[in-house]
N, C-alpha and C. Protein backbone atom coordinates (compact mmCIF):
# COMPACT_ATOMS: atom_id res chain seq x y z
N MET A 1 125.62 113.29 105.79
CA MET A 1 124.80 112.10 105.76
C MET A 1 123.86 112.17 104.57
N ALA A 2 123.56 111.04 103.98
CA ALA A 2 122.71 110.97 102.79
C ALA A 2 121.26 111.31 103.14
N ARG A 3 120.54 111.78 102.17
CA ARG A 3 119.13 112.11 102.33
C ARG A 3 118.35 110.82 102.64
N ARG A 4 117.39 110.93 103.51
CA ARG A 4 116.53 109.80 103.88
C ARG A 4 115.34 109.71 102.95
N THR A 5 114.92 108.48 102.68
CA THR A 5 113.70 108.25 101.90
C THR A 5 112.52 108.15 102.87
N GLU A 6 111.32 108.12 102.32
CA GLU A 6 110.14 107.91 103.17
C GLU A 6 110.26 106.60 103.93
N ALA A 7 110.73 105.56 103.26
CA ALA A 7 110.89 104.26 103.91
C ALA A 7 111.90 104.34 105.06
N ASP A 8 112.96 105.11 104.88
CA ASP A 8 113.95 105.30 105.95
C ASP A 8 113.31 105.97 107.16
N TRP A 9 112.55 107.03 106.92
CA TRP A 9 111.91 107.74 108.03
C TRP A 9 110.92 106.82 108.75
N ILE A 10 110.19 106.02 108.01
CA ILE A 10 109.24 105.08 108.62
C ILE A 10 109.99 104.07 109.48
N ALA A 11 111.09 103.53 108.96
CA ALA A 11 111.89 102.56 109.74
C ALA A 11 112.40 103.18 111.03
N VAL A 12 112.89 104.40 110.94
CA VAL A 12 113.38 105.11 112.13
C VAL A 12 112.22 105.34 113.10
N GLY A 13 111.07 105.74 112.57
CA GLY A 13 109.90 105.97 113.41
C GLY A 13 109.42 104.72 114.12
N LEU A 14 109.40 103.59 113.41
CA LEU A 14 108.99 102.33 114.03
C LEU A 14 109.97 101.91 115.11
N ASP A 15 111.26 102.08 114.85
CA ASP A 15 112.27 101.77 115.87
C ASP A 15 112.11 102.65 117.10
N LEU A 16 111.94 103.94 116.88
CA LEU A 16 111.78 104.88 117.98
C LEU A 16 110.52 104.56 118.78
N LEU A 17 109.45 104.25 118.09
CA LEU A 17 108.19 103.88 118.74
C LEU A 17 108.37 102.62 119.59
N ALA A 18 109.01 101.60 119.04
CA ALA A 18 109.22 100.35 119.78
C ALA A 18 110.10 100.57 121.01
N GLU A 19 111.11 101.39 120.87
CA GLU A 19 112.06 101.61 121.96
C GLU A 19 111.55 102.55 123.04
N HIS A 20 110.85 103.62 122.64
CA HIS A 20 110.53 104.68 123.60
C HIS A 20 109.05 105.05 123.68
N GLY A 21 108.22 104.50 122.81
CA GLY A 21 106.80 104.81 122.86
C GLY A 21 106.40 106.02 122.05
N HIS A 22 105.11 106.23 121.96
CA HIS A 22 104.55 107.28 121.10
C HIS A 22 104.91 108.69 121.54
N THR A 23 105.19 108.89 122.81
CA THR A 23 105.51 110.24 123.27
C THR A 23 106.83 110.75 122.72
N ARG A 24 107.65 109.85 122.23
CA ARG A 24 108.94 110.25 121.65
C ARG A 24 108.89 110.37 120.13
N LEU A 25 107.71 110.24 119.55
CA LEU A 25 107.56 110.45 118.10
C LEU A 25 107.46 111.95 117.84
N THR A 26 108.58 112.62 118.01
CA THR A 26 108.64 114.06 117.79
C THR A 26 109.64 114.34 116.68
N VAL A 27 109.50 115.50 116.08
CA VAL A 27 110.44 115.91 115.04
C VAL A 27 111.86 115.91 115.61
N ALA A 28 112.01 116.45 116.81
CA ALA A 28 113.34 116.54 117.42
C ALA A 28 113.95 115.16 117.63
N ASP A 29 113.17 114.22 118.17
CA ASP A 29 113.71 112.88 118.41
C ASP A 29 114.01 112.13 117.12
N LEU A 30 113.14 112.26 116.13
CA LEU A 30 113.39 111.61 114.85
C LEU A 30 114.65 112.15 114.19
N CYS A 31 114.78 113.48 114.19
CA CYS A 31 115.95 114.10 113.54
C CYS A 31 117.23 113.79 114.31
N ALA A 32 117.15 113.76 115.63
CA ALA A 32 118.33 113.42 116.43
C ALA A 32 118.78 111.99 116.13
N ARG A 33 117.83 111.10 115.97
CA ARG A 33 118.15 109.70 115.67
C ARG A 33 118.85 109.58 114.32
N CYS A 34 118.44 110.41 113.37
CA CYS A 34 118.99 110.35 112.01
C CYS A 34 120.18 111.27 111.79
N GLY A 35 120.34 112.25 112.67
CA GLY A 35 121.39 113.24 112.45
C GLY A 35 121.07 114.19 111.32
N LEU A 36 119.79 114.43 111.09
CA LEU A 36 119.35 115.31 110.00
C LEU A 36 118.48 116.43 110.55
N THR A 37 118.21 117.41 109.72
CA THR A 37 117.37 118.53 110.12
C THR A 37 115.91 118.19 109.85
N LYS A 38 115.02 118.99 110.45
CA LYS A 38 113.60 118.75 110.25
C LYS A 38 113.16 118.98 108.80
N GLY A 39 113.92 119.78 108.06
CA GLY A 39 113.61 119.99 106.66
C GLY A 39 113.63 118.69 105.87
N SER A 40 114.51 117.78 106.27
CA SER A 40 114.59 116.49 105.59
C SER A 40 113.31 115.67 105.82
N LEU A 41 112.81 115.71 107.04
CA LEU A 41 111.56 115.01 107.35
C LEU A 41 110.39 115.66 106.61
N TYR A 42 110.34 116.99 106.66
CA TYR A 42 109.23 117.71 106.03
C TYR A 42 109.30 117.68 104.51
N HIS A 43 110.41 117.26 103.96
CA HIS A 43 110.50 117.06 102.51
C HIS A 43 109.53 115.95 102.10
N HIS A 44 109.35 114.95 102.99
CA HIS A 44 108.49 113.81 102.69
C HIS A 44 107.09 113.91 103.29
N TYR A 45 106.98 114.59 104.43
CA TYR A 45 105.71 114.66 105.15
C TYR A 45 105.40 116.12 105.48
N PRO A 46 104.21 116.60 105.16
CA PRO A 46 103.90 118.02 105.40
C PRO A 46 103.87 118.40 106.88
N ASP A 47 103.57 117.41 107.74
CA ASP A 47 103.53 117.68 109.17
C ASP A 47 103.63 116.35 109.93
N MET A 48 103.71 116.43 111.25
CA MET A 48 103.85 115.21 112.04
C MET A 48 102.60 114.35 111.99
N GLY A 49 101.45 114.98 111.80
CA GLY A 49 100.23 114.18 111.66
C GLY A 49 100.30 113.26 110.45
N ALA A 50 100.80 113.78 109.35
CA ALA A 50 100.96 112.96 108.14
C ALA A 50 101.98 111.86 108.37
N PHE A 51 103.06 112.17 109.08
CA PHE A 51 104.07 111.15 109.37
C PHE A 51 103.48 110.06 110.25
N ARG A 52 102.75 110.44 111.29
CA ARG A 52 102.15 109.45 112.20
C ARG A 52 101.14 108.57 111.46
N THR A 53 100.38 109.17 110.56
CA THR A 53 99.43 108.39 109.75
C THR A 53 100.18 107.37 108.89
N ALA A 54 101.26 107.80 108.26
CA ALA A 54 102.07 106.89 107.44
C ALA A 54 102.69 105.80 108.30
N LEU A 55 103.10 106.16 109.50
CA LEU A 55 103.72 105.19 110.41
C LEU A 55 102.72 104.11 110.81
N LEU A 56 101.51 104.52 111.15
CA LEU A 56 100.48 103.54 111.50
C LEU A 56 100.12 102.66 110.30
N GLY A 57 100.08 103.26 109.11
CA GLY A 57 99.82 102.47 107.90
C GLY A 57 100.92 101.45 107.65
N ALA A 58 102.15 101.84 107.88
CA ALA A 58 103.28 100.91 107.71
C ALA A 58 103.21 99.78 108.72
N TRP A 59 102.86 100.12 109.96
CA TRP A 59 102.72 99.07 110.99
C TRP A 59 101.64 98.08 110.56
N ARG A 60 100.50 98.57 110.09
CA ARG A 60 99.42 97.69 109.66
C ARG A 60 99.87 96.80 108.50
N GLU A 61 100.53 97.39 107.53
CA GLU A 61 100.97 96.62 106.37
C GLU A 61 101.98 95.55 106.77
N ARG A 62 102.96 95.92 107.56
CA ARG A 62 104.04 95.00 107.93
C ARG A 62 103.60 93.94 108.92
N ASN A 63 102.74 94.29 109.86
CA ASN A 63 102.42 93.38 110.95
C ASN A 63 101.07 92.68 110.79
N THR A 64 100.35 93.00 109.74
CA THR A 64 99.07 92.32 109.52
C THR A 64 98.92 91.89 108.06
N GLU A 65 98.89 92.86 107.15
CA GLU A 65 98.61 92.54 105.76
C GLU A 65 99.68 91.64 105.15
N ARG A 66 100.93 91.90 105.47
CA ARG A 66 102.02 91.08 104.93
C ARG A 66 101.92 89.64 105.45
N LEU A 67 101.57 89.48 106.72
CA LEU A 67 101.45 88.14 107.30
C LEU A 67 100.33 87.36 106.64
N ILE A 68 99.19 88.02 106.47
CA ILE A 68 98.05 87.36 105.84
C ILE A 68 98.39 86.99 104.39
N ALA A 69 99.04 87.89 103.67
CA ALA A 69 99.41 87.60 102.28
C ALA A 69 100.36 86.41 102.20
N GLN A 70 101.31 86.34 103.11
CA GLN A 70 102.24 85.20 103.10
C GLN A 70 101.52 83.91 103.46
N ALA A 71 100.63 83.96 104.42
CA ALA A 71 99.87 82.76 104.79
C ALA A 71 99.01 82.29 103.62
N GLU A 72 98.45 83.22 102.88
CA GLU A 72 97.56 82.88 101.77
C GLU A 72 98.29 82.23 100.60
N ARG A 73 99.59 82.27 100.59
CA ARG A 73 100.34 81.58 99.53
C ARG A 73 100.25 80.06 99.68
N GLU A 74 99.90 79.61 100.88
CA GLU A 74 99.78 78.18 101.16
C GLU A 74 98.42 77.68 100.67
N THR A 75 98.34 76.38 100.44
CA THR A 75 97.09 75.83 99.92
C THR A 75 96.20 75.26 101.02
N SER A 76 96.77 74.62 102.01
CA SER A 76 95.95 74.02 103.06
C SER A 76 95.79 74.98 104.23
N THR A 77 94.67 74.85 104.91
CA THR A 77 94.41 75.68 106.08
C THR A 77 95.45 75.42 107.16
N GLU A 78 95.86 74.18 107.30
CA GLU A 78 96.87 73.85 108.30
C GLU A 78 98.19 74.57 108.01
N GLU A 79 98.59 74.60 106.75
CA GLU A 79 99.83 75.31 106.38
C GLU A 79 99.67 76.82 106.53
N LYS A 80 98.51 77.34 106.15
CA LYS A 80 98.27 78.77 106.34
C LYS A 80 98.41 79.13 107.81
N THR A 81 97.82 78.31 108.66
CA THR A 81 97.87 78.55 110.10
C THR A 81 99.30 78.46 110.62
N ARG A 82 100.02 77.48 110.16
CA ARG A 82 101.41 77.30 110.59
C ARG A 82 102.27 78.52 110.21
N VAL A 83 102.09 79.00 108.98
CA VAL A 83 102.84 80.18 108.52
C VAL A 83 102.43 81.41 109.32
N LEU A 84 101.13 81.61 109.49
CA LEU A 84 100.65 82.76 110.25
C LEU A 84 101.18 82.72 111.68
N ASP A 85 101.14 81.57 112.30
CA ASP A 85 101.63 81.41 113.67
C ASP A 85 103.11 81.76 113.76
N ARG A 86 103.90 81.22 112.83
CA ARG A 86 105.35 81.48 112.84
C ARG A 86 105.64 82.97 112.66
N LEU A 87 104.96 83.59 111.72
CA LEU A 87 105.20 85.01 111.46
C LEU A 87 104.73 85.89 112.61
N ALA A 88 103.58 85.55 113.20
CA ALA A 88 103.07 86.34 114.33
C ALA A 88 104.00 86.26 115.52
N GLN A 89 104.57 85.09 115.74
CA GLN A 89 105.50 84.93 116.87
C GLN A 89 106.80 85.69 116.65
N ALA A 90 107.12 85.99 115.42
CA ALA A 90 108.37 86.69 115.11
C ALA A 90 108.23 88.22 115.16
N LEU A 91 107.01 88.72 115.31
CA LEU A 91 106.82 90.17 115.35
C LEU A 91 107.52 90.77 116.57
N ASP A 92 107.92 92.01 116.45
CA ASP A 92 108.53 92.74 117.56
C ASP A 92 107.44 93.09 118.56
N LEU A 93 107.41 92.40 119.69
CA LEU A 93 106.35 92.62 120.67
C LEU A 93 106.42 94.01 121.29
N ARG A 94 107.60 94.58 121.33
CA ARG A 94 107.72 95.94 121.85
C ARG A 94 106.92 96.90 120.97
N LEU A 95 107.00 96.71 119.67
CA LEU A 95 106.26 97.57 118.74
C LEU A 95 104.76 97.35 118.88
N GLU A 96 104.35 96.10 118.96
CA GLU A 96 102.92 95.81 119.13
C GLU A 96 102.38 96.48 120.39
N ARG A 97 103.10 96.36 121.51
CA ARG A 97 102.67 96.99 122.76
C ARG A 97 102.68 98.51 122.65
N ALA A 98 103.70 99.06 121.99
CA ALA A 98 103.81 100.52 121.86
C ALA A 98 102.65 101.09 121.04
N VAL A 99 102.27 100.40 119.97
CA VAL A 99 101.16 100.88 119.15
C VAL A 99 99.86 100.81 119.95
N ARG A 100 99.66 99.76 120.70
CA ARG A 100 98.45 99.62 121.52
C ARG A 100 98.42 100.69 122.62
N ASN A 101 99.57 100.97 123.20
CA ASN A 101 99.64 102.03 124.20
C ASN A 101 99.30 103.37 123.57
N TRP A 102 99.83 103.63 122.40
CA TRP A 102 99.54 104.85 121.65
C TRP A 102 98.04 104.95 121.42
N ALA A 103 97.41 103.85 121.06
CA ALA A 103 95.97 103.84 120.78
C ALA A 103 95.15 104.19 122.01
N ALA A 104 95.68 103.93 123.17
CA ALA A 104 94.97 104.28 124.40
C ALA A 104 94.93 105.79 124.63
N HIS A 105 95.79 106.51 123.92
CA HIS A 105 95.92 107.96 124.13
C HIS A 105 95.58 108.80 122.90
N ASP A 106 95.28 108.17 121.78
CA ASP A 106 95.13 108.92 120.53
C ASP A 106 94.02 108.29 119.69
N THR A 107 93.04 109.08 119.29
CA THR A 107 91.91 108.52 118.55
C THR A 107 92.28 107.99 117.17
N ALA A 108 93.22 108.64 116.50
CA ALA A 108 93.63 108.15 115.17
C ALA A 108 94.33 106.80 115.29
N ALA A 109 95.21 106.67 116.26
CA ALA A 109 95.90 105.39 116.49
C ALA A 109 94.89 104.33 116.92
N ARG A 110 93.94 104.71 117.74
CA ARG A 110 92.91 103.77 118.20
C ARG A 110 92.12 103.23 117.02
N ALA A 111 91.77 104.09 116.09
CA ALA A 111 91.00 103.66 114.92
C ALA A 111 91.78 102.65 114.09
N VAL A 112 93.07 102.88 113.94
CA VAL A 112 93.90 101.94 113.17
C VAL A 112 94.02 100.61 113.91
N VAL A 113 94.26 100.64 115.21
CA VAL A 113 94.38 99.40 115.98
C VAL A 113 93.07 98.63 115.95
N GLN A 114 91.94 99.30 116.08
CA GLN A 114 90.66 98.62 116.01
C GLN A 114 90.44 97.98 114.64
N ALA A 115 90.83 98.67 113.59
CA ALA A 115 90.71 98.10 112.24
C ALA A 115 91.62 96.89 112.07
N VAL A 116 92.83 96.98 112.61
CA VAL A 116 93.76 95.85 112.55
C VAL A 116 93.22 94.66 113.34
N ASP A 117 92.69 94.92 114.53
CA ASP A 117 92.12 93.83 115.32
C ASP A 117 91.00 93.14 114.54
N CYS A 118 90.14 93.92 113.92
CA CYS A 118 89.05 93.33 113.11
C CYS A 118 89.61 92.53 111.95
N GLN A 119 90.60 93.06 111.28
CA GLN A 119 91.20 92.36 110.13
C GLN A 119 91.84 91.04 110.58
N ARG A 120 92.56 91.06 111.67
CA ARG A 120 93.21 89.85 112.17
C ARG A 120 92.17 88.81 112.60
N ILE A 121 91.18 89.24 113.35
CA ILE A 121 90.15 88.30 113.80
C ILE A 121 89.37 87.76 112.61
N ASP A 122 89.02 88.62 111.66
CA ASP A 122 88.29 88.16 110.47
C ASP A 122 89.09 87.12 109.70
N TYR A 123 90.41 87.29 109.64
CA TYR A 123 91.21 86.29 108.94
C TYR A 123 91.21 84.97 109.70
N LEU A 124 91.31 85.03 111.02
CA LEU A 124 91.24 83.80 111.81
C LEU A 124 89.88 83.13 111.66
N VAL A 125 88.82 83.91 111.60
CA VAL A 125 87.48 83.36 111.37
C VAL A 125 87.45 82.64 110.03
N ARG A 126 88.01 83.26 109.03
CA ARG A 126 88.03 82.63 107.70
C ARG A 126 88.76 81.30 107.72
N LEU A 127 89.90 81.25 108.44
CA LEU A 127 90.63 79.99 108.55
C LEU A 127 89.79 78.94 109.28
N CYS A 128 89.11 79.35 110.34
CA CYS A 128 88.24 78.41 111.06
C CYS A 128 87.11 77.90 110.17
N ARG A 129 86.55 78.79 109.38
CA ARG A 129 85.48 78.40 108.48
C ARG A 129 85.98 77.44 107.40
N GLU A 130 87.21 77.63 106.94
CA GLU A 130 87.80 76.71 105.97
C GLU A 130 87.91 75.31 106.54
N GLU A 131 88.04 75.20 107.84
CA GLU A 131 88.12 73.89 108.51
C GLU A 131 86.74 73.31 108.77
N GLY A 132 85.69 74.04 108.41
CA GLY A 132 84.35 73.50 108.53
C GLY A 132 83.60 73.94 109.77
N GLY A 133 84.13 74.86 110.52
CA GLY A 133 83.44 75.32 111.72
C GLY A 133 82.26 76.21 111.39
N SER A 134 81.29 76.23 112.29
CA SER A 134 80.15 77.11 112.11
C SER A 134 80.61 78.55 112.25
N ALA A 135 79.81 79.46 111.76
CA ALA A 135 80.16 80.88 111.84
C ALA A 135 80.32 81.32 113.29
N ALA A 136 79.42 80.89 114.15
CA ALA A 136 79.48 81.27 115.57
C ALA A 136 80.72 80.69 116.24
N ASP A 137 80.98 79.39 116.02
CA ASP A 137 82.17 78.77 116.61
C ASP A 137 83.45 79.39 116.08
N ALA A 138 83.47 79.67 114.78
CA ALA A 138 84.65 80.27 114.17
C ALA A 138 84.93 81.63 114.78
N ARG A 139 83.91 82.44 114.95
CA ARG A 139 84.08 83.77 115.55
C ARG A 139 84.59 83.65 116.99
N ASP A 140 84.00 82.74 117.75
CA ASP A 140 84.42 82.55 119.16
C ASP A 140 85.86 82.07 119.24
N LEU A 141 86.21 81.07 118.44
CA LEU A 141 87.57 80.53 118.48
C LEU A 141 88.59 81.56 118.01
N ALA A 142 88.24 82.32 116.99
CA ALA A 142 89.15 83.36 116.51
C ALA A 142 89.37 84.42 117.58
N ALA A 143 88.30 84.85 118.23
CA ALA A 143 88.41 85.86 119.28
C ALA A 143 89.24 85.34 120.45
N LEU A 144 89.04 84.10 120.84
CA LEU A 144 89.82 83.52 121.95
C LEU A 144 91.29 83.38 121.58
N THR A 145 91.56 82.94 120.38
CA THR A 145 92.94 82.80 119.93
C THR A 145 93.64 84.15 119.93
N TYR A 146 92.97 85.14 119.38
CA TYR A 146 93.56 86.47 119.29
C TYR A 146 93.75 87.07 120.68
N ALA A 147 92.77 86.86 121.55
CA ALA A 147 92.89 87.36 122.93
C ALA A 147 94.08 86.72 123.64
N MET A 148 94.30 85.43 123.43
CA MET A 148 95.47 84.77 124.03
C MET A 148 96.76 85.35 123.47
N TYR A 149 96.79 85.58 122.18
CA TYR A 149 97.98 86.16 121.56
C TYR A 149 98.27 87.54 122.15
N LEU A 150 97.24 88.38 122.25
CA LEU A 150 97.43 89.71 122.82
C LEU A 150 97.83 89.63 124.30
N GLY A 151 97.22 88.73 125.02
CA GLY A 151 97.56 88.57 126.43
C GLY A 151 99.00 88.12 126.62
N LEU A 152 99.44 87.19 125.81
CA LEU A 152 100.83 86.72 125.91
C LEU A 152 101.82 87.82 125.57
N GLN A 153 101.41 88.77 124.74
CA GLN A 153 102.28 89.90 124.41
C GLN A 153 102.55 90.77 125.64
N GLN A 154 101.64 90.75 126.57
CA GLN A 154 101.76 91.62 127.73
C GLN A 154 102.69 91.05 128.80
N LEU A 155 103.06 89.80 128.67
CA LEU A 155 103.98 89.20 129.63
C LEU A 155 105.38 89.73 129.36
N PHE A 156 105.99 90.30 130.36
CA PHE A 156 107.32 90.86 130.21
C PHE A 156 108.35 89.87 130.73
N GLY A 157 109.54 89.96 130.20
CA GLY A 157 110.61 89.10 130.65
C GLY A 157 111.85 89.36 129.83
N ALA A 158 112.90 88.69 130.24
CA ALA A 158 114.18 88.89 129.55
C ALA A 158 114.11 88.45 128.10
N ASP A 159 113.36 87.39 127.84
CA ASP A 159 113.26 86.91 126.47
C ASP A 159 111.81 86.62 126.13
N GLU A 160 111.02 87.68 125.95
CA GLU A 160 109.60 87.52 125.72
C GLU A 160 109.29 86.79 124.42
N GLN A 161 110.13 86.97 123.40
CA GLN A 161 109.90 86.25 122.14
C GLN A 161 110.00 84.75 122.37
N ALA A 162 110.99 84.32 123.14
CA ALA A 162 111.15 82.89 123.44
C ALA A 162 109.96 82.37 124.24
N ALA A 163 109.47 83.17 125.17
CA ALA A 163 108.31 82.76 125.96
C ALA A 163 107.08 82.60 125.06
N LEU A 164 106.88 83.52 124.15
CA LEU A 164 105.76 83.42 123.22
C LEU A 164 105.88 82.17 122.36
N ARG A 165 107.07 81.91 121.84
CA ARG A 165 107.28 80.71 121.00
C ARG A 165 107.05 79.44 121.81
N ARG A 166 107.40 79.45 123.07
CA ARG A 166 107.25 78.26 123.91
C ARG A 166 105.78 78.03 124.28
N LEU A 167 105.05 79.10 124.56
CA LEU A 167 103.68 78.96 125.06
C LEU A 167 102.64 78.76 123.96
N MET A 168 102.80 79.40 122.83
CA MET A 168 101.77 79.34 121.80
C MET A 168 101.45 77.92 121.32
N PRO A 169 102.44 77.04 121.09
CA PRO A 169 102.07 75.69 120.67
C PRO A 169 101.25 74.95 121.73
N LYS A 170 101.40 75.32 122.98
CA LYS A 170 100.66 74.64 124.04
C LYS A 170 99.19 75.01 124.04
N VAL A 171 98.85 76.15 123.47
CA VAL A 171 97.44 76.53 123.37
C VAL A 171 96.87 76.16 122.01
N GLU A 172 97.68 75.57 121.17
CA GLU A 172 97.33 75.00 119.87
C GLU A 172 96.77 76.01 118.87
N PHE A 173 96.92 77.27 119.12
CA PHE A 173 96.58 78.36 118.21
C PHE A 173 95.36 78.06 117.34
N VAL A 174 94.32 77.57 117.99
CA VAL A 174 93.00 77.29 117.44
C VAL A 174 92.93 76.27 116.32
N LEU A 175 93.67 76.46 115.25
CA LEU A 175 93.48 75.61 114.09
C LEU A 175 94.57 74.56 113.95
N PRO A 176 94.26 73.39 113.49
CA PRO A 176 92.91 72.88 113.29
C PRO A 176 92.33 72.24 114.54
N GLY A 177 93.13 72.01 115.56
CA GLY A 177 92.68 71.31 116.77
C GLY A 177 91.53 71.96 117.49
N GLY A 178 91.47 73.27 117.51
CA GLY A 178 90.41 73.96 118.23
C GLY A 178 89.03 73.61 117.71
N LEU A 179 88.91 73.49 116.41
CA LEU A 179 87.61 73.15 115.84
C LEU A 179 87.22 71.72 116.17
N ARG A 180 88.21 70.82 116.15
CA ARG A 180 87.91 69.43 116.50
C ARG A 180 87.48 69.33 117.95
N ALA A 181 88.16 70.08 118.83
CA ALA A 181 87.80 70.06 120.24
C ALA A 181 86.39 70.60 120.44
N THR A 182 86.03 71.64 119.72
CA THR A 182 84.69 72.23 119.82
C THR A 182 83.65 71.26 119.32
N ALA A 183 83.94 70.60 118.21
CA ALA A 183 82.99 69.62 117.65
C ALA A 183 82.81 68.47 118.62
N THR A 184 83.88 67.98 119.24
CA THR A 184 83.80 66.88 120.19
C THR A 184 82.96 67.28 121.39
N THR A 185 83.14 68.47 121.91
CA THR A 185 82.36 68.96 123.04
C THR A 185 80.90 69.07 122.67
N ALA A 186 80.60 69.59 121.49
CA ALA A 186 79.22 69.74 121.04
C ALA A 186 78.56 68.37 120.88
N GLU A 187 79.32 67.37 120.41
CA GLU A 187 78.77 66.04 120.22
C GLU A 187 78.40 65.40 121.56
N ARG A 188 79.21 65.68 122.59
CA ARG A 188 78.95 65.11 123.92
C ARG A 188 77.71 65.71 124.55
N GLU A 189 77.39 66.95 124.19
CA GLU A 189 76.23 67.63 124.79
C GLU A 189 74.99 67.16 124.12
């Protein structure tokens, strides 16, 4: 079998994590999946700690930074939101849940997940602010939107991706309708 690159090992690690969880992120399981010896893995990573750090970095880049970068290519807030929504719904929910489960048991993973949560919420706040919402309303709406997204990830079923795609438009994913609804409520008070 051909030598694996760092990107190959990361892809295998993300697949293994999504399928079996963080407890199976072992040298033995990774090598068994690839049909290679541990020397091949250690050629790229000095130890499993370094591999796990790279794996969490790859998850952050692929599931957060890449989405934000793609959304930012759009000019209007509505289009940015539409792109972000579409990309977020396409993420592998098994991987998202597995990383969060890992974070419940590991301080390094927890730190990365907390940083990702802040980055995601901050981006939603920025989108809300672009629509003219106050800082407080933008923070609240972003937190509620993100909490709904995380909550919907926890629903299990035969086709969880389809359920997420079906339910998210019904909650209007905050922008731009959420700000209008908040403004209307504030005006009535």
